[in-house]
Amino acid sequence: MRTTSCPQCGMSAAEFGESGQLGCAACYRVFKETLVPLFKQIHGNEFHRGKIPVSDPSRQQARRELIDLRRALKKAVGQEAYEQAAKLRDRINELERGSERRHVVHG
């Protein structure tokens, strides 16, 4: 995978490879060379025809915050700043729990 990163959300090719999740809509263009073969393999077509996401700016903001927090957590662990890492982990869990609750209520 190339060392490309998304100009909109900052997700790198390595992060996409590790998580399998894209950071934003722009990632589809940035990682097109990787995604097209995956779509063909998984869906039998090069286009993904999934559900249309609800346009909710707060969800996009939360997703960006999660990406930033995960990067900061990885950095804190690498620097052995475990107290800071624990705080970041707790914030990530808090955001993820909130996201799950909104999904159940609105989904």
PDB file of N, CA and C in Angstrom:
ATOM      1  N   MET A   1       0.838  -1.174   0.000  1.00  0.00           N
ATOM      2  CA  MET A   1       0.000   0.000   0.000  1.00  0.00           C
ATOM      3  C   MET A   1       0.889   1.246   0.000  1.00  0.00           C
ATOM      4  N   ARG A   2       0.515   2.256  -0.748  1.00  0.00           N
ATOM      5  CA  ARG A   2       1.313   3.483  -0.827  1.00  0.00           C
ATOM      6  C   ARG A   2       1.223   4.265   0.478  1.00  0.00           C
ATOM      7  N   THR A   3       2.110   5.257   0.605  1.00  0.00           N
ATOM      8  CA  THR A   3       2.114   6.085   1.807  1.00  0.00           C
ATOM      9  C   THR A   3       1.217   7.303   1.636  1.00  0.00           C
ATOM     10  N   THR A   4       0.124   7.136   0.944  1.00  0.00           N
ATOM     11  CA  THR A   4      -0.839   8.202   0.710  1.00  0.00           C
ATOM     12  C   THR A   4      -1.648   8.452   1.974  1.00  0.00           C
ATOM     13  N   SER A   5      -2.061   9.699   2.139  1.00  0.00           N
ATOM     14  CA  SER A   5      -2.997   9.989   3.225  1.00  0.00           C
ATOM     15  C   SER A   5      -4.071  10.919   2.688  1.00  0.00           C
ATOM     16  N   CYS A   6      -5.213  10.884   3.306  1.00  0.00           N
ATOM     17  CA  CYS A   6      -6.367  11.668   2.885  1.00  0.00           C
ATOM     18  C   CYS A   6      -6.155  13.129   3.289  1.00  0.00           C
ATOM     19  N   PRO A   7      -6.317  14.066   2.350  1.00  0.00           N
ATOM     20  CA  PRO A   7      -6.133  15.470   2.689  1.00  0.00           C
ATOM     21  C   PRO A   7      -7.247  16.031   3.573  1.00  0.00           C
ATOM     22  N   GLN A   8      -8.397  15.365   3.577  1.00  0.00           N
ATOM     23  CA  GLN A   8      -9.519  15.872   4.368  1.00  0.00           C
ATOM     24  C   GLN A   8      -9.471  15.421   5.825  1.00  0.00           C
ATOM     25  N   CYS A   9      -9.262  14.130   6.070  1.00  0.00           N
ATOM     26  CA  CYS A   9      -9.291  13.629   7.452  1.00  0.00           C
ATOM     27  C   CYS A   9      -7.916  13.202   7.959  1.00  0.00           C
ATOM     28  N   GLY A  10      -6.946  13.071   7.053  1.00  0.00           N
ATOM     29  CA  GLY A  10      -5.601  12.715   7.462  1.00  0.00           C
ATOM     30  C   GLY A  10      -5.334  11.231   7.599  1.00  0.00           C
ATOM     31  N   MET A  11      -6.311  10.383   7.299  1.00  0.00           N
ATOM     32  CA  MET A  11      -6.104   8.941   7.429  1.00  0.00           C
ATOM     33  C   MET A  11      -5.027   8.492   6.450  1.00  0.00           C
ATOM     34  N   SER A  12      -4.103   7.693   6.944  1.00  0.00           N
ATOM     35  CA  SER A  12      -3.034   7.182   6.088  1.00  0.00           C
ATOM     36  C   SER A  12      -3.431   5.826   5.520  1.00  0.00           C
ATOM     37  N   ALA A  13      -2.710   5.425   4.486  1.00  0.00           N
ATOM     38  CA  ALA A  13      -2.951   4.116   3.882  1.00  0.00           C
ATOM     39  C   ALA A  13      -2.708   3.012   4.906  1.00  0.00           C
ATOM     40  N   ALA A  14      -1.711   3.200   5.764  1.00  0.00           N
ATOM     41  CA  ALA A  14      -1.407   2.194   6.791  1.00  0.00           C
ATOM     42  C   ALA A  14      -2.561   2.082   7.786  1.00  0.00           C
ATOM     43  N   GLU A  15      -3.125   3.218   8.194  1.00  0.00           N
ATOM     44  CA  GLU A  15      -4.258   3.192   9.133  1.00  0.00           C
ATOM     45  C   GLU A  15      -5.466   2.504   8.498  1.00  0.00           C
ATOM     46  N   PHE A  16      -5.707   2.799   7.213  1.00  0.00           N
ATOM     47  CA  PHE A  16      -6.805   2.141   6.510  1.00  0.00           C
ATOM     48  C   PHE A  16      -6.555   0.636   6.450  1.00  0.00           C
ATOM     49  N   GLY A  17      -5.314   0.252   6.163  1.00  0.00           N
ATOM     50  CA  GLY A  17      -4.968  -1.167   6.100  1.00  0.00           C
ATOM     51  C   GLY A  17      -5.164  -1.876   7.427  1.00  0.00           C
ATOM     52  N   GLU A  18      -4.859  -1.184   8.531  1.00  0.00           N
ATOM     53  CA  GLU A  18      -5.005  -1.781   9.862  1.00  0.00           C
ATOM     54  C   GLU A  18      -6.465  -1.901  10.278  1.00  0.00           C
ATOM     55  N   SER A  19      -7.228  -0.823  10.062  1.00  0.00           N
ATOM     56  CA  SER A  19      -8.604  -0.799  10.575  1.00  0.00           C
ATOM     57  C   SER A  19      -9.625  -1.332   9.577  1.00  0.00           C
ATOM     58  N   GLY A  20      -9.342  -1.178   8.287  1.00  0.00           N
ATOM     59  CA  GLY A  20     -10.317  -1.572   7.274  1.00  0.00           C
ATOM     60  C   GLY A  20     -11.472  -0.592   7.174  1.00  0.00           C
ATOM     61  N   GLN A  21     -11.371   0.535   7.869  1.00  0.00           N
ATOM     62  CA  GLN A  21     -12.430   1.542   7.853  1.00  0.00           C
ATOM     63  C   GLN A  21     -11.872   2.848   7.322  1.00  0.00           C
ATOM     64  N   LEU A  22     -12.685   3.525   6.526  1.00  0.00           N
ATOM     65  CA  LEU A  22     -12.275   4.809   5.979  1.00  0.00           C
ATOM     66  C   LEU A  22     -12.641   5.922   6.944  1.00  0.00           C
ATOM     67  N   GLY A  23     -11.889   7.024   6.888  1.00  0.00           N
ATOM     68  CA  GLY A  23     -12.119   8.129   7.807  1.00  0.00           C
ATOM     69  C   GLY A  23     -13.192   9.097   7.357  1.00  0.00           C
ATOM     70  N   CYS A  24     -13.375   9.245   6.019  1.00  0.00           N
ATOM     71  CA  CYS A  24     -14.365  10.192   5.507  1.00  0.00           C
ATOM     72  C   CYS A  24     -14.676   9.837   4.056  1.00  0.00           C
ATOM     73  N   ALA A  25     -15.589  10.581   3.457  1.00  0.00           N
ATOM     74  CA  ALA A  25     -15.991  10.316   2.078  1.00  0.00           C
ATOM     75  C   ALA A  25     -14.839  10.535   1.093  1.00  0.00           C
ATOM     76  N   ALA A  26     -13.959  11.483   1.390  1.00  0.00           N
ATOM     77  CA  ALA A  26     -12.829  11.759   0.493  1.00  0.00           C
ATOM     78  C   ALA A  26     -11.873  10.568   0.401  1.00  0.00           C
ATOM     79  N   CYS A  27     -11.853   9.739   1.420  1.00  0.00           N
ATOM     80  CA  CYS A  27     -10.976   8.561   1.421  1.00  0.00           C
ATOM     81  C   CYS A  27     -11.285   7.627   0.248  1.00  0.00           C
ATOM     82  N   TYR A  28     -12.541   7.612  -0.207  1.00  0.00           N
ATOM     83  CA  TYR A  28     -12.896   6.751  -1.339  1.00  0.00           C
ATOM     84  C   TYR A  28     -12.101   7.144  -2.581  1.00  0.00           C
ATOM     85  N   ARG A  29     -11.901   8.443  -2.780  1.00  0.00           N
ATOM     86  CA  ARG A  29     -11.111   8.894  -3.932  1.00  0.00           C
ATOM     87  C   ARG A  29      -9.626   8.616  -3.706  1.00  0.00           C
ATOM     88  N   VAL A  30      -9.148   8.911  -2.507  1.00  0.00           N
ATOM     89  CA  VAL A  30      -7.731   8.771  -2.199  1.00  0.00           C
ATOM     90  C   VAL A  30      -7.275   7.314  -2.290  1.00  0.00           C
ATOM     91  N   PHE A  31      -8.097   6.396  -1.776  1.00  0.00           N
ATOM     92  CA  PHE A  31      -7.720   4.984  -1.724  1.00  0.00           C
ATOM     93  C   PHE A  31      -8.398   4.153  -2.815  1.00  0.00           C
ATOM     94  N   LYS A  32      -8.796   4.812  -3.900  1.00  0.00           N
ATOM     95  CA  LYS A  32      -9.529   4.149  -4.989  1.00  0.00           C
ATOM     96  C   LYS A  32      -8.800   2.919  -5.523  1.00  0.00           C
ATOM     97  N   GLU A  33      -7.484   3.040  -5.714  1.00  0.00           N
ATOM     98  CA  GLU A  33      -6.718   1.921  -6.278  1.00  0.00           C
ATOM     99  C   GLU A  33      -6.792   0.679  -5.392  1.00  0.00           C
ATOM    100  N   THR A  34      -6.931   0.872  -4.106  1.00  0.00           N
ATOM    101  CA  THR A  34      -7.035  -0.241  -3.169  1.00  0.00           C
ATOM    102  C   THR A  34      -8.474  -0.735  -3.081  1.00  0.00           C
ATOM    103  N   LEU A  35      -9.425   0.199  -3.131  1.00  0.00           N
ATOM    104  CA  LEU A  35     -10.829  -0.147  -2.926  1.00  0.00           C
ATOM    105  C   LEU A  35     -11.465  -0.879  -4.102  1.00  0.00           C
ATOM    106  N   VAL A  36     -11.146  -0.476  -5.327  1.00  0.00           N
ATOM    107  CA  VAL A  36     -11.787  -1.087  -6.496  1.00  0.00           C
ATOM    108  C   VAL A  36     -11.607  -2.605  -6.508  1.00  0.00           C
ATOM    109  N   PRO A  37     -10.378  -3.122  -6.333  1.00  0.00           N
ATOM    110  CA  PRO A  37     -10.237  -4.586  -6.302  1.00  0.00           C
ATOM    111  C   PRO A  37     -10.999  -5.228  -5.133  1.00  0.00           C
ATOM    112  N   LEU A  38     -11.029  -4.535  -3.980  1.00  0.00           N
ATOM    113  CA  LEU A  38     -11.782  -5.075  -2.842  1.00  0.00           C
ATOM    114  C   LEU A  38     -13.270  -5.151  -3.146  1.00  0.00           C
ATOM    115  N   PHE A  39     -13.825  -4.084  -3.735  1.00  0.00           N
ATOM    116  CA  PHE A  39     -15.247  -4.074  -4.078  1.00  0.00           C
ATOM    117  C   PHE A  39     -15.565  -5.180  -5.080  1.00  0.00           C
ATOM    118  N   LYS A  40     -14.692  -5.354  -6.066  1.00  0.00           N
ATOM    119  CA  LYS A  40     -14.915  -6.413  -7.053  1.00  0.00           C
ATOM    120  C   LYS A  40     -14.917  -7.784  -6.387  1.00  0.00           C
ATOM    121  N   GLN A  41     -13.985  -7.979  -5.462  1.00  0.00           N
ATOM    122  CA  GLN A  41     -13.874  -9.263  -4.773  1.00  0.00           C
ATOM    123  C   GLN A  41     -15.081  -9.504  -3.858  1.00  0.00           C
ATOM    124  N   ILE A  42     -15.475  -8.493  -3.102  1.00  0.00           N
ATOM    125  CA  ILE A  42     -16.535  -8.657  -2.112  1.00  0.00           C
ATOM    126  C   ILE A  42     -17.929  -8.592  -2.726  1.00  0.00           C
ATOM    127  N   HIS A  43     -18.155  -7.591  -3.593  1.00  0.00           N
ATOM    128  CA  HIS A  43     -19.497  -7.328  -4.117  1.00  0.00           C
ATOM    129  C   HIS A  43     -19.716  -7.843  -5.534  1.00  0.00           C
ATOM    130  N   GLY A  44     -18.638  -8.289  -6.180  1.00  0.00           N
ATOM    131  CA  GLY A  44     -18.774  -8.724  -7.558  1.00  0.00           C
ATOM    132  C   GLY A  44     -18.902  -7.546  -8.513  1.00  0.00           C
ATOM    133  N   ASN A  45     -18.679  -6.332  -8.005  1.00  0.00           N
ATOM    134  CA  ASN A  45     -18.791  -5.120  -8.795  1.00  0.00           C
ATOM    135  C   ASN A  45     -17.807  -4.116  -8.210  1.00  0.00           C
ATOM    136  N   GLU A  46     -17.372  -3.146  -9.006  1.00  0.00           N
ATOM    137  CA  GLU A  46     -16.413  -2.188  -8.475  1.00  0.00           C
ATOM    138  C   GLU A  46     -17.074  -1.037  -7.729  1.00  0.00           C
ATOM    139  N   PHE A  47     -18.390  -1.017  -7.667  1.00  0.00           N
ATOM    140  CA  PHE A  47     -19.101   0.036  -6.942  1.00  0.00           C
ATOM    141  C   PHE A  47     -19.813  -0.555  -5.738  1.00  0.00           C
ATOM    142  N   HIS A  48     -19.708   0.127  -4.628  1.00  0.00           N
ATOM    143  CA  HIS A  48     -20.416  -0.286  -3.422  1.00  0.00           C
ATOM    144  C   HIS A  48     -21.770   0.408  -3.403  1.00  0.00           C
ATOM    145  N   ARG A  49     -22.823  -0.347  -3.287  1.00  0.00           N
ATOM    146  CA  ARG A  49     -24.164   0.216  -3.277  1.00  0.00           C
ATOM    147  C   ARG A  49     -24.824  -0.063  -1.926  1.00  0.00           C
ATOM    148  N   GLY A  50     -24.293   0.570  -0.910  1.00  0.00           N
ATOM    149  CA  GLY A  50     -24.803   0.391   0.449  1.00  0.00           C
ATOM    150  C   GLY A  50     -25.853   1.424   0.792  1.00  0.00           C
ATOM    151  N   LYS A  51     -26.159   1.513   2.062  1.00  0.00           N
ATOM    152  CA  LYS A  51     -27.122   2.493   2.534  1.00  0.00           C
ATOM    153  C   LYS A  51     -26.560   3.893   2.377  1.00  0.00           C
ATOM    154  N   ILE A  52     -27.426   4.835   2.146  1.00  0.00           N
ATOM    155  CA  ILE A  52     -27.014   6.227   2.059  1.00  0.00           C
ATOM    156  C   ILE A  52     -26.943   6.771   3.474  1.00  0.00           C
ATOM    157  N   PRO A  53     -25.773   7.289   3.883  1.00  0.00           N
ATOM    158  CA  PRO A  53     -25.653   7.767   5.263  1.00  0.00           C
ATOM    159  C   PRO A  53     -26.487   9.027   5.499  1.00  0.00           C
ATOM    160  N   VAL A  54     -26.965   9.147   6.707  1.00  0.00           N
ATOM    161  CA  VAL A  54     -27.685  10.340   7.107  1.00  0.00           C
ATOM    162  C   VAL A  54     -26.657  11.458   7.240  1.00  0.00           C
ATOM    163  N   SER A  55     -26.933  12.589   6.630  1.00  0.00           N
ATOM    164  CA  SER A  55     -25.984  13.703   6.705  1.00  0.00           C
ATOM    165  C   SER A  55     -26.135  14.390   8.050  1.00  0.00           C
ATOM    166  N   ASP A  56     -25.236  14.062   8.951  1.00  0.00           N
ATOM    167  CA  ASP A  56     -25.281  14.604  10.306  1.00  0.00           C
ATOM    168  C   ASP A  56     -23.895  15.125  10.654  1.00  0.00           C
ATOM    169  N   PRO A  57     -23.724  16.441  10.661  1.00  0.00           N
ATOM    170  CA  PRO A  57     -22.403  17.014  10.944  1.00  0.00           C
ATOM    171  C   PRO A  57     -21.823  16.579  12.289  1.00  0.00           C
ATOM    172  N   SER A  58     -22.662  16.358  13.290  1.00  0.00           N
ATOM    173  CA  SER A  58     -22.137  15.948  14.596  1.00  0.00           C
ATOM    174  C   SER A  58     -21.514  14.555  14.520  1.00  0.00           C
ATOM    175  N   ARG A  59     -22.061  13.685  13.692  1.00  0.00           N
ATOM    176  CA  ARG A  59     -21.485  12.343  13.523  1.00  0.00           C
ATOM    177  C   ARG A  59     -20.128  12.438  12.836  1.00  0.00           C
ATOM    178  N   GLN A  60     -20.031  13.320  11.837  1.00  0.00           N
ATOM    179  CA  GLN A  60     -18.755  13.496  11.148  1.00  0.00           C
ATOM    180  C   GLN A  60     -17.710  14.058  12.108  1.00  0.00           C
ATOM    181  N   GLN A  61     -18.105  15.010  12.934  1.00  0.00           N
ATOM    182  CA  GLN A  61     -17.186  15.602  13.906  1.00  0.00           C
ATOM    183  C   GLN A  61     -16.713  14.544  14.903  1.00  0.00           C
ATOM    184  N   ALA A  62     -17.641  13.717  15.380  1.00  0.00           N
ATOM    185  CA  ALA A  62     -17.288  12.662  16.331  1.00  0.00           C
ATOM    186  C   ALA A  62     -16.324  11.663  15.688  1.00  0.00           C
ATOM    187  N   ARG A  63     -16.554  11.345  14.430  1.00  0.00           N
ATOM    188  CA  ARG A  63     -15.675  10.405  13.725  1.00  0.00           C
ATOM    189  C   ARG A  63     -14.269  10.980  13.590  1.00  0.00           C
ATOM    190  N   ARG A  64     -14.183  12.275  13.240  1.00  0.00           N
ATOM    191  CA  ARG A  64     -12.870  12.916  13.134  1.00  0.00           C
ATOM    192  C   ARG A  64     -12.176  12.942  14.491  1.00  0.00           C
ATOM    193  N   GLU A  65     -12.960  13.228  15.540  1.00  0.00           N
ATOM    194  CA  GLU A  65     -12.378  13.265  16.883  1.00  0.00           C
ATOM    195  C   GLU A  65     -11.841  11.892  17.271  1.00  0.00           C
ATOM    196  N   LEU A  66     -12.589  10.838  16.934  1.00  0.00           N
ATOM    197  CA  LEU A  66     -12.128   9.481  17.236  1.00  0.00           C
ATOM    198  C   LEU A  66     -10.818   9.170  16.515  1.00  0.00           C
ATOM    199  N   ILE A  67     -10.710   9.570  15.265  1.00  0.00           N
ATOM    200  CA  ILE A  67      -9.476   9.331  14.511  1.00  0.00           C
ATOM    201  C   ILE A  67      -8.312  10.041  15.189  1.00  0.00           C
ATOM    202  N   ASP A  68      -8.535  11.312  15.551  1.00  0.00           N
ATOM    203  CA  ASP A  68      -7.479  12.087  16.216  1.00  0.00           C
ATOM    204  C   ASP A  68      -7.106  11.475  17.564  1.00  0.00           C
ATOM    205  N   LEU A  69      -8.110  11.046  18.323  1.00  0.00           N
ATOM    206  CA  LEU A  69      -7.852  10.455  19.632  1.00  0.00           C
ATOM    207  C   LEU A  69      -7.079   9.142  19.507  1.00  0.00           C
ATOM    208  N   ARG A  70      -7.422   8.338  18.519  1.00  0.00           N
ATOM    209  CA  ARG A  70      -6.710   7.065  18.324  1.00  0.00           C
ATOM    210  C   ARG A  70      -5.249   7.305  17.959  1.00  0.00           C
ATOM    211  N   ARG A  71      -5.008   8.321  17.125  1.00  0.00           N
ATOM    212  CA  ARG A  71      -3.618   8.665  16.789  1.00  0.00           C
ATOM    213  C   ARG A  71      -2.866   9.114  18.036  1.00  0.00           C
ATOM    214  N   ALA A  72      -3.514   9.976  18.826  1.00  0.00           N
ATOM    215  CA  ALA A  72      -2.873  10.482  20.047  1.00  0.00           C
ATOM    216  C   ALA A  72      -2.612   9.343  21.027  1.00  0.00           C
ATOM    217  N   LEU A  73      -3.543   8.384  21.116  1.00  0.00           N
ATOM    218  CA  LEU A  73      -3.376   7.233  21.998  1.00  0.00           C
ATOM    219  C   LEU A  73      -2.166   6.407  21.571  1.00  0.00           C
ATOM    220  N   LYS A  74      -2.073   6.153  20.276  1.00  0.00           N
ATOM    221  CA  LYS A  74      -0.943   5.380  19.759  1.00  0.00           C
ATOM    222  C   LYS A  74       0.380   6.076  20.073  1.00  0.00           C
ATOM    223  N   LYS A  75       0.398   7.395  19.904  1.00  0.00           N
ATOM    224  CA  LYS A  75       1.604   8.174  20.193  1.00  0.00           C
ATOM    225  C   LYS A  75       1.935   8.137  21.686  1.00  0.00           C
ATOM    226  N   ALA A  76       0.911   8.298  22.539  1.00  0.00           N
ATOM    227  CA  ALA A  76       1.128   8.292  23.991  1.00  0.00           C
ATOM    228  C   ALA A  76       1.687   6.942  24.451  1.00  0.00           C
ATOM    229  N   VAL A  77       1.154   5.868  23.927  1.00  0.00           N
ATOM    230  CA  VAL A  77       1.656   4.540  24.293  1.00  0.00           C
ATOM    231  C   VAL A  77       3.097   4.383  23.829  1.00  0.00           C
ATOM    232  N   GLY A  78       3.386   4.848  22.610  1.00  0.00           N
ATOM    233  CA  GLY A  78       4.749   4.771  22.088  1.00  0.00           C
ATOM    234  C   GLY A  78       5.742   5.556  22.938  1.00  0.00           C
ATOM    235  N   GLN A  79       5.271   6.638  23.553  1.00  0.00           N
ATOM    236  CA  GLN A  79       6.118   7.464  24.410  1.00  0.00           C
ATOM    237  C   GLN A  79       6.044   7.026  25.872  1.00  0.00           C
ATOM    238  N   GLU A  80       5.318   5.932  26.104  1.00  0.00           N
ATOM    239  CA  GLU A  80       5.131   5.382  27.448  1.00  0.00           C
ATOM    240  C   GLU A  80       4.482   6.395  28.404  1.00  0.00           C
ATOM    241  N   ALA A  81       3.606   7.249  27.865  1.00  0.00           N
ATOM    242  CA  ALA A  81       2.840   8.211  28.673  1.00  0.00           C
ATOM    243  C   ALA A  81       1.507   7.539  29.009  1.00  0.00           C
ATOM    244  N   TYR A  82       1.567   6.578  29.914  1.00  0.00           N
ATOM    245  CA  TYR A  82       0.423   5.708  30.162  1.00  0.00           C
ATOM    246  C   TYR A  82      -0.755   6.412  30.833  1.00  0.00           C
ATOM    247  N   GLU A  83      -0.506   7.394  31.661  1.00  0.00           N
ATOM    248  CA  GLU A  83      -1.604   8.130  32.291  1.00  0.00           C
ATOM    249  C   GLU A  83      -2.389   8.891  31.220  1.00  0.00           C
ATOM    250  N   GLN A  84      -1.677   9.546  30.327  1.00  0.00           N
ATOM    251  CA  GLN A  84      -2.328  10.258  29.227  1.00  0.00           C
ATOM    252  C   GLN A  84      -3.050   9.257  28.322  1.00  0.00           C
ATOM    253  N   ALA A  85      -2.412   8.115  28.059  1.00  0.00           N
ATOM    254  CA  ALA A  85      -3.018   7.086  27.216  1.00  0.00           C
ATOM    255  C   ALA A  85      -4.326   6.582  27.827  1.00  0.00           C
ATOM    256  N   ALA A  86      -4.359   6.421  29.139  1.00  0.00           N
ATOM    257  CA  ALA A  86      -5.577   5.957  29.804  1.00  0.00           C
ATOM    258  C   ALA A  86      -6.704   6.978  29.648  1.00  0.00           C
ATOM    259  N   LYS A  87      -6.370   8.256  29.759  1.00  0.00           N
ATOM    260  CA  LYS A  87      -7.387   9.304  29.576  1.00  0.00           C
ATOM    261  C   LYS A  87      -7.914   9.305  28.145  1.00  0.00           C
ATOM    262  N   LEU A  88      -7.010   9.153  27.198  1.00  0.00           N
ATOM    263  CA  LEU A  88      -7.422   9.098  25.791  1.00  0.00           C
ATOM    264  C   LEU A  88      -8.295   7.875  25.531  1.00  0.00           C
ATOM    265  N   ARG A  89      -7.895   6.731  26.097  1.00  0.00           N
ATOM    266  CA  ARG A  89      -8.682   5.510  25.941  1.00  0.00           C
ATOM    267  C   ARG A  89     -10.090   5.692  26.492  1.00  0.00           C
ATOM    268  N   ASP A  90     -10.185   6.317  27.660  1.00  0.00           N
ATOM    269  CA  ASP A  90     -11.489   6.544  28.277  1.00  0.00           C
ATOM    270  C   ASP A  90     -12.356   7.461  27.414  1.00  0.00           C
ATOM    271  N   ARG A  91     -11.752   8.489  26.828  1.00  0.00           N
ATOM    272  CA  ARG A  91     -12.505   9.405  25.963  1.00  0.00           C
ATOM    273  C   ARG A  91     -12.978   8.686  24.704  1.00  0.00           C
ATOM    274  N   ILE A  92     -12.122   7.845  24.142  1.00  0.00           N
ATOM    275  CA  ILE A  92     -12.501   7.058  22.963  1.00  0.00           C
ATOM    276  C   ILE A  92     -13.689   6.165  23.302  1.00  0.00           C
ATOM    277  N   ASN A  93     -13.610   5.468  24.430  1.00  0.00           N
ATOM    278  CA  ASN A  93     -14.716   4.591  24.843  1.00  0.00           C
ATOM    279  C   ASN A  93     -16.003   5.376  25.049  1.00  0.00           C
ATOM    280  N   GLU A  94     -15.879   6.554  25.643  1.00  0.00           N
ATOM    281  CA  GLU A  94     -17.048   7.412  25.878  1.00  0.00           C
ATOM    282  C   GLU A  94     -17.705   7.813  24.548  1.00  0.00           C
ATOM    283  N   LEU A  95     -16.903   8.218  23.587  1.00  0.00           N
ATOM    284  CA  LEU A  95     -17.444   8.601  22.275  1.00  0.00           C
ATOM    285  C   LEU A  95     -18.066   7.406  21.563  1.00  0.00           C
ATOM    286  N   GLU A  96     -17.410   6.257  21.645  1.00  0.00           N
ATOM    287  CA  GLU A  96     -17.949   5.070  20.986  1.00  0.00           C
ATOM    288  C   GLU A  96     -19.261   4.628  21.611  1.00  0.00           C
ATOM    289  N   ARG A  97     -19.371   4.694  22.933  1.00  0.00           N
ATOM    290  CA  ARG A  97     -20.638   4.347  23.597  1.00  0.00           C
ATOM    291  C   ARG A  97     -21.740   5.316  23.189  1.00  0.00           C
ATOM    292  N   GLY A  98     -21.428   6.587  23.098  1.00  0.00           N
ATOM    293  CA  GLY A  98     -22.403   7.580  22.662  1.00  0.00           C
ATOM    294  C   GLY A  98     -22.861   7.333  21.251  1.00  0.00           C
ATOM    295  N   SER A  99     -21.937   6.935  20.392  1.00  0.00           N
ATOM    296  CA  SER A  99     -22.254   6.637  18.997  1.00  0.00           C
ATOM    297  C   SER A  99     -23.178   5.419  18.912  1.00  0.00           C
ATOM    298  N   GLU A 100     -22.899   4.408  19.739  1.00  0.00           N
ATOM    299  CA  GLU A 100     -23.749   3.210  19.734  1.00  0.00           C
ATOM    300  C   GLU A 100     -25.166   3.552  20.185  1.00  0.00           C
ATOM    301  N   ARG A 101     -25.281   4.407  21.198  1.00  0.00           N
ATOM    302  CA  ARG A 101     -26.608   4.800  21.686  1.00  0.00           C
ATOM    303  C   ARG A 101     -27.380   5.557  20.627  1.00  0.00           C
ATOM    304  N   ARG A 102     -26.707   6.489  19.918  1.00  0.00           N
ATOM    305  CA  ARG A 102     -27.388   7.248  18.863  1.00  0.00           C
ATOM    306  C   ARG A 102     -27.809   6.324  17.740  1.00  0.00           C
ATOM    307  N   HIS A 103     -26.976   5.330  17.424  1.00  0.00           N
ATOM    308  CA  HIS A 103     -27.295   4.391  16.350  1.00  0.00           C
ATOM    309  C   HIS A 103     -28.541   3.582  16.694  1.00  0.00           C
ATOM    310  N   VAL A 104     -28.656   3.147  17.936  1.00  0.00           N
ATOM    311  CA  VAL A 104     -29.814   2.370  18.368  1.00  0.00           C
ATOM    312  C   VAL A 104     -31.071   3.237  18.343  1.00  0.00           C
ATOM    313  N   VAL A 105     -30.953   4.472  18.813  1.00  0.00           N
ATOM    314  CA  VAL A 105     -32.118   5.360  18.870  1.00  0.00           C
ATOM    315  C   VAL A 105     -32.565   5.774  17.490  1.00  0.00           C
ATOM    316  N   HIS A 106     -31.601   6.154  16.600  1.00  0.00           N
ATOM    317  CA  HIS A 106     -31.947   6.667  15.288  1.00  0.00           C
ATOM    318  C   HIS A 106     -31.907   5.613  14.193  1.00  0.00           C
ATOM    319  N   GLY A 107     -31.158   4.537  14.422  1.00  0.00           N
ATOM    320  CA  GLY A 107     -30.936   3.531  13.383  1.00  0.00           C
ATOM    321  C   GLY A 107     -32.104   2.679  13.177  1.00  0.00           C
TER     322      GLY A 107
END
